[in-house]
């Protein structure tokens, strides 16, 4: 695999290459629907990348709806023929209530995720959060779709918890939300509608600053405020 100059850029490049490689193998049928992917150790040995790169790549593949993780068993290619994975199912279940329900679920999870991230994050992980947040701000400024960038910001926070269950839940949310939004799942996308970009920017920066200063309570409160305000924004549109 090709390497880039800076450590952060190199890791990002390696992750992208690994994601592209597995996406190709799945698309070309080298790895069949329902088939188990190689173990983390095998991928590390065969690809020569770090455990962090492998885990980030698997999280991205899961967010794209290509694979799913079964705890204690492994990671499997999503079987599109199974109930819950059809394109019709993904595009037809979006309702205003779904958007509200998803944010309510996130309210029960992400404030504590942010608190743990503040306590456990490494300098490298903080850089990854900063990079994701900068990308989110860039998409907002340029009027681009912010859904993927927003998800990546929250996913990077979950990675800092050092608890794979947090990351798995976030990845599962991503694999549920992102394909549906791209297929017209507009009510979920409303969770990311911005009436005043500066308000959400301040909320997101408050989360980042609390994690940067390793302030658990502030991180928990900032994330909770952000999600409550997101919930209010969705409800205001209906």
Protein backbone atom coordinates (compact mmCIF):
# COMPACT_ATOMS: atom_id res chain seq x y z
CA UNK A 1 0.00 0.00 0.00
CA UNK A 2 1.13 3.54 -0.68
CA UNK A 3 2.23 5.74 2.20
CA UNK A 4 1.71 9.48 2.66
CA UNK A 5 4.14 11.81 4.43
CA UNK A 6 2.41 12.86 7.68
CA UNK A 7 1.36 10.18 10.23
CA UNK A 8 -2.24 11.40 10.19
CA UNK A 9 -2.37 11.60 6.42
CA UNK A 10 -0.66 8.23 6.10
CA UNK A 11 -3.20 6.53 8.37
CA UNK A 12 -6.11 8.15 6.54
CA UNK A 13 -4.65 7.06 3.20
CA UNK A 14 -4.12 3.49 4.39
CA UNK A 15 -7.66 3.35 5.75
CA UNK A 16 -9.09 4.59 2.46
CA UNK A 17 -7.04 2.03 0.53
CA UNK A 18 -8.20 -0.80 2.77
CA UNK A 19 -11.84 0.29 2.47
CA UNK A 20 -11.50 0.49 -1.32
CA UNK A 21 -9.87 -2.95 -1.45
CA UNK A 22 -12.61 -4.68 0.53
CA UNK A 23 -15.37 -2.78 -1.28
CA UNK A 24 -13.90 -4.02 -4.57
CA UNK A 25 -13.65 -7.61 -3.33
CA UNK A 26 -17.27 -7.50 -2.19
CA UNK A 27 -18.44 -5.86 -5.42
CA UNK A 28 -16.53 -8.37 -7.58
CA UNK A 29 -17.87 -11.32 -5.62
CA UNK A 30 -14.51 -12.38 -4.20
CA UNK A 31 -16.21 -12.16 -0.82
CA UNK A 32 -19.82 -13.32 -1.10
CA UNK A 33 -22.93 -11.99 0.64
CA UNK A 34 -23.14 -13.49 4.11
CA UNK A 35 -19.48 -14.55 4.06
CA UNK A 36 -17.23 -13.81 7.01
CA UNK A 37 -14.34 -11.40 6.45
CA UNK A 38 -10.80 -12.36 7.48
CA UNK A 39 -10.03 -11.76 11.14
CA UNK A 40 -8.40 -8.55 12.29
CA UNK A 41 -5.11 -10.37 12.85
CA UNK A 42 -5.15 -11.85 9.34
CA UNK A 43 -5.85 -8.47 7.73
CA UNK A 44 -3.02 -6.88 9.73
CA UNK A 45 -0.61 -9.62 8.66
CA UNK A 46 -1.64 -9.62 4.99
CA UNK A 47 -1.94 -5.85 4.54
CA UNK A 48 0.85 -4.70 6.83
CA UNK A 49 -1.31 -2.04 8.47
CA UNK A 50 -2.02 -1.25 12.11
CA UNK A 51 -4.95 -2.42 14.19
CA UNK A 52 -6.27 1.17 14.23
CA UNK A 53 -6.34 1.28 10.42
CA UNK A 54 -8.18 -2.05 10.24
CA UNK A 55 -10.79 -1.00 12.80
CA UNK A 56 -11.38 2.35 11.11
CA UNK A 57 -11.75 0.61 7.74
CA UNK A 58 -14.24 -1.90 9.14
CA UNK A 59 -16.23 0.91 10.76
CA UNK A 60 -16.41 2.76 7.44
CA UNK A 61 -17.48 -0.38 5.58
CA UNK A 62 -20.17 -0.94 8.18
CA UNK A 63 -21.29 2.69 7.90
CA UNK A 64 -21.64 2.20 4.15
CA UNK A 65 -23.88 -0.80 4.75
CA UNK A 66 -21.45 -3.29 3.20
CA UNK A 67 -20.63 -5.32 6.30
CA UNK A 68 -22.02 -5.99 9.75
CA UNK A 69 -20.27 -7.00 12.97
CA UNK A 70 -21.60 -9.82 15.12
CA UNK A 71 -20.04 -9.71 18.58
CA UNK A 72 -17.99 -12.75 19.42
CA UNK A 73 -18.33 -14.10 15.88
CA UNK A 74 -16.79 -11.67 13.42
CA UNK A 75 -17.54 -9.28 10.57
CA UNK A 76 -19.72 -10.44 7.67
CA UNK A 77 -20.69 -9.11 4.27
CA UNK A 78 -24.28 -7.88 4.47
CA UNK A 79 -26.66 -10.31 2.81
CA UNK A 80 -28.97 -8.11 0.74
CA UNK A 81 -31.44 -10.97 0.34
CA UNK A 82 -32.19 -11.07 4.05
CA UNK A 83 -35.09 -9.11 5.62
CA UNK A 84 -34.05 -5.64 6.68
CA UNK A 85 -31.47 -5.23 3.92
CA UNK A 86 -33.62 -4.67 0.84
CA UNK A 87 -33.52 -1.38 -1.01
CA UNK A 88 -37.30 -1.17 -0.74
CA UNK A 89 -37.12 -1.50 3.03
CA UNK A 90 -34.39 1.11 3.26
CA UNK A 91 -36.25 3.72 1.25
CA UNK A 92 -39.76 3.22 2.59
CA UNK A 93 -39.58 3.34 6.37
CA UNK A 94 -38.52 6.95 6.83
CA UNK A 95 -41.00 8.95 8.88
CA UNK A 96 -40.70 12.04 11.08
CA UNK A 97 -41.04 9.67 14.02
CA UNK A 98 -38.00 7.71 12.86
CA UNK A 99 -35.83 10.82 12.97
CA UNK A 100 -37.06 11.63 16.47
CA UNK A 101 -36.57 8.05 17.65
CA UNK A 102 -33.01 7.90 16.37
CA UNK A 103 -32.06 11.12 18.15
CA UNK A 104 -33.70 9.82 21.34
CA UNK A 105 -31.55 6.70 21.07
CA UNK A 106 -28.46 8.83 20.53
CA UNK A 107 -29.36 10.90 23.61
CA UNK A 108 -29.16 7.74 25.69
CA UNK A 109 -25.74 6.87 24.29
CA UNK A 110 -23.64 9.73 22.96
CA UNK A 111 -23.37 12.02 26.01
CA UNK A 112 -21.62 9.21 27.89
CA UNK A 113 -19.59 8.42 24.78
CA UNK A 114 -18.35 12.01 24.76
CA UNK A 115 -17.55 11.84 28.48
CA UNK A 116 -15.49 8.68 28.02
CA UNK A 117 -13.81 10.19 24.97
CA UNK A 118 -12.74 13.18 27.05
CA UNK A 119 -11.22 10.86 29.63
CA UNK A 120 -9.55 8.35 27.30
CA UNK A 121 -8.73 10.06 24.01
CA UNK A 122 -5.16 10.12 22.75
CA UNK A 123 -3.56 13.11 20.99
CA UNK A 124 -3.85 11.22 17.70
CA UNK A 125 -7.54 10.56 18.27
CA UNK A 126 -8.12 14.22 19.12
CA UNK A 127 -6.48 15.11 15.80
CA UNK A 128 -8.89 12.74 14.04
CA UNK A 129 -11.88 14.42 15.69
CA UNK A 130 -10.52 17.82 14.68
CA UNK A 131 -10.05 16.65 11.10
CA UNK A 132 -13.60 15.27 10.96
CA UNK A 133 -15.03 18.48 12.42
CA UNK A 134 -13.10 20.64 9.96
CA UNK A 135 -14.49 18.55 7.10
CA UNK A 136 -18.00 18.99 8.48
CA UNK A 137 -17.53 22.76 8.65
CA UNK A 138 -16.17 22.75 5.08
CA UNK A 139 -19.22 20.88 3.78
CA UNK A 140 -21.48 23.35 5.56
CA UNK A 141 -19.69 26.38 4.11
CA UNK A 142 -19.81 24.94 0.60
CA UNK A 143 -23.47 23.98 0.83
CA UNK A 144 -22.70 20.27 0.46
CA UNK A 145 -24.50 17.34 2.08
CA UNK A 146 -23.28 17.20 5.68
CA UNK A 147 -24.77 13.86 6.68
CA UNK A 148 -21.66 11.72 6.08
CA UNK A 149 -19.32 14.33 7.59
CA UNK A 150 -21.52 14.74 10.66
CA UNK A 151 -21.66 10.99 11.16
CA UNK A 152 -17.86 10.77 10.87
CA UNK A 153 -17.43 13.44 13.57
CA UNK A 154 -19.59 11.45 15.98
CA UNK A 155 -17.97 8.16 14.97
CA UNK A 156 -14.50 9.49 15.73
CA UNK A 157 -15.71 10.46 19.20
CA UNK A 158 -17.03 6.93 19.75
CA UNK A 159 -13.63 5.51 18.77
CA UNK A 160 -12.06 7.40 21.68
CA UNK A 161 -14.13 5.51 24.25
CA UNK A 162 -11.91 2.40 23.88
CA UNK A 163 -15.20 0.50 24.04
CA UNK A 164 -16.06 -1.32 20.83
CA UNK A 165 -19.76 -1.49 21.73
CA UNK A 166 -20.07 2.29 21.42
CA UNK A 167 -18.38 2.21 18.02
CA UNK A 168 -20.47 -0.74 16.84
CA UNK A 169 -23.72 1.02 17.73
CA UNK A 170 -22.59 4.18 15.94
CA UNK A 171 -21.56 2.18 12.89
CA UNK A 172 -24.90 0.38 12.89
CA UNK A 173 -26.68 3.73 13.01
CA UNK A 174 -24.56 4.89 10.10
CA UNK A 175 -25.29 1.80 8.03
CA UNK A 176 -28.99 2.37 8.70
CA UNK A 177 -29.16 6.12 8.13
CA UNK A 178 -26.72 6.88 5.32
CA UNK A 179 -28.01 4.56 2.56
CA UNK A 180 -31.58 5.60 3.32
CA UNK A 181 -30.74 9.28 3.16
CA UNK A 182 -29.10 8.74 -0.24
CA UNK A 183 -32.24 6.89 -1.36
CA UNK A 184 -34.59 9.69 -0.35
CA UNK A 185 -34.80 9.00 3.37
CA UNK A 186 -35.36 12.70 3.85
CA UNK A 187 -36.91 12.68 7.28
CA UNK A 188 -33.73 11.30 8.82
CA UNK A 189 -31.71 13.89 6.93
CA UNK A 190 -33.82 16.57 8.58
CA UNK A 191 -31.89 15.81 11.75
CA UNK A 192 -29.03 17.61 10.02
CA UNK A 193 -31.00 20.56 8.66
CA UNK A 194 -29.34 23.80 9.69
CA UNK A 195 -31.42 26.93 10.09
CA UNK A 196 -28.44 28.81 11.50
CA UNK A 197 -25.10 27.14 10.70
CA UNK A 198 -23.35 29.17 13.40
CA UNK A 199 -25.50 27.61 16.12
CA UNK A 200 -24.58 24.04 15.24
CA UNK A 201 -20.97 25.04 14.67
CA UNK A 202 -20.79 26.45 18.21
CA UNK A 203 -22.40 23.32 19.61
CA UNK A 204 -19.94 21.06 17.82
CA UNK A 205 -16.94 23.17 18.78
CA UNK A 206 -18.07 23.04 22.42
CA UNK A 207 -18.03 19.24 22.25
CA UNK A 208 -14.56 19.26 20.72
CA UNK A 209 -13.15 21.75 23.24
CA UNK A 210 -14.45 19.75 26.18
CA UNK A 211 -12.87 16.57 24.82
CA UNK A 212 -9.64 18.45 24.08
CA UNK A 213 -9.49 19.68 27.69
CA UNK A 214 -10.41 16.20 28.96
CA UNK A 215 -13.41 17.61 30.84
CA UNK A 216 -15.83 14.69 31.18
CA UNK A 217 -18.73 16.68 32.58
CA UNK A 218 -18.44 19.45 30.01
CA UNK A 219 -18.22 16.94 27.16
CA UNK A 220 -21.29 15.09 28.40
CA UNK A 221 -23.25 18.32 28.79
CA UNK A 222 -22.16 19.71 25.41
CA UNK A 223 -23.15 16.54 23.57
CA UNK A 224 -26.48 16.37 25.36
CA UNK A 225 -27.24 20.01 24.51
CA UNK A 226 -26.32 19.44 20.86
CA UNK A 227 -28.61 16.41 20.55
CA UNK A 228 -31.50 18.04 22.41
CA UNK A 229 -31.26 21.03 20.09
CA UNK A 230 -31.15 18.67 17.08
CA UNK A 231 -34.30 17.01 18.39
CA UNK A 232 -36.02 20.38 18.76
CA UNK A 233 -34.98 21.34 15.22
CA UNK A 234 -36.49 18.16 13.80
CA UNK A 235 -39.72 18.55 15.75
CA UNK A 236 -40.03 22.19 14.70
CA UNK A 237 -40.18 21.09 11.06
CA UNK A 238 -43.25 18.94 11.63
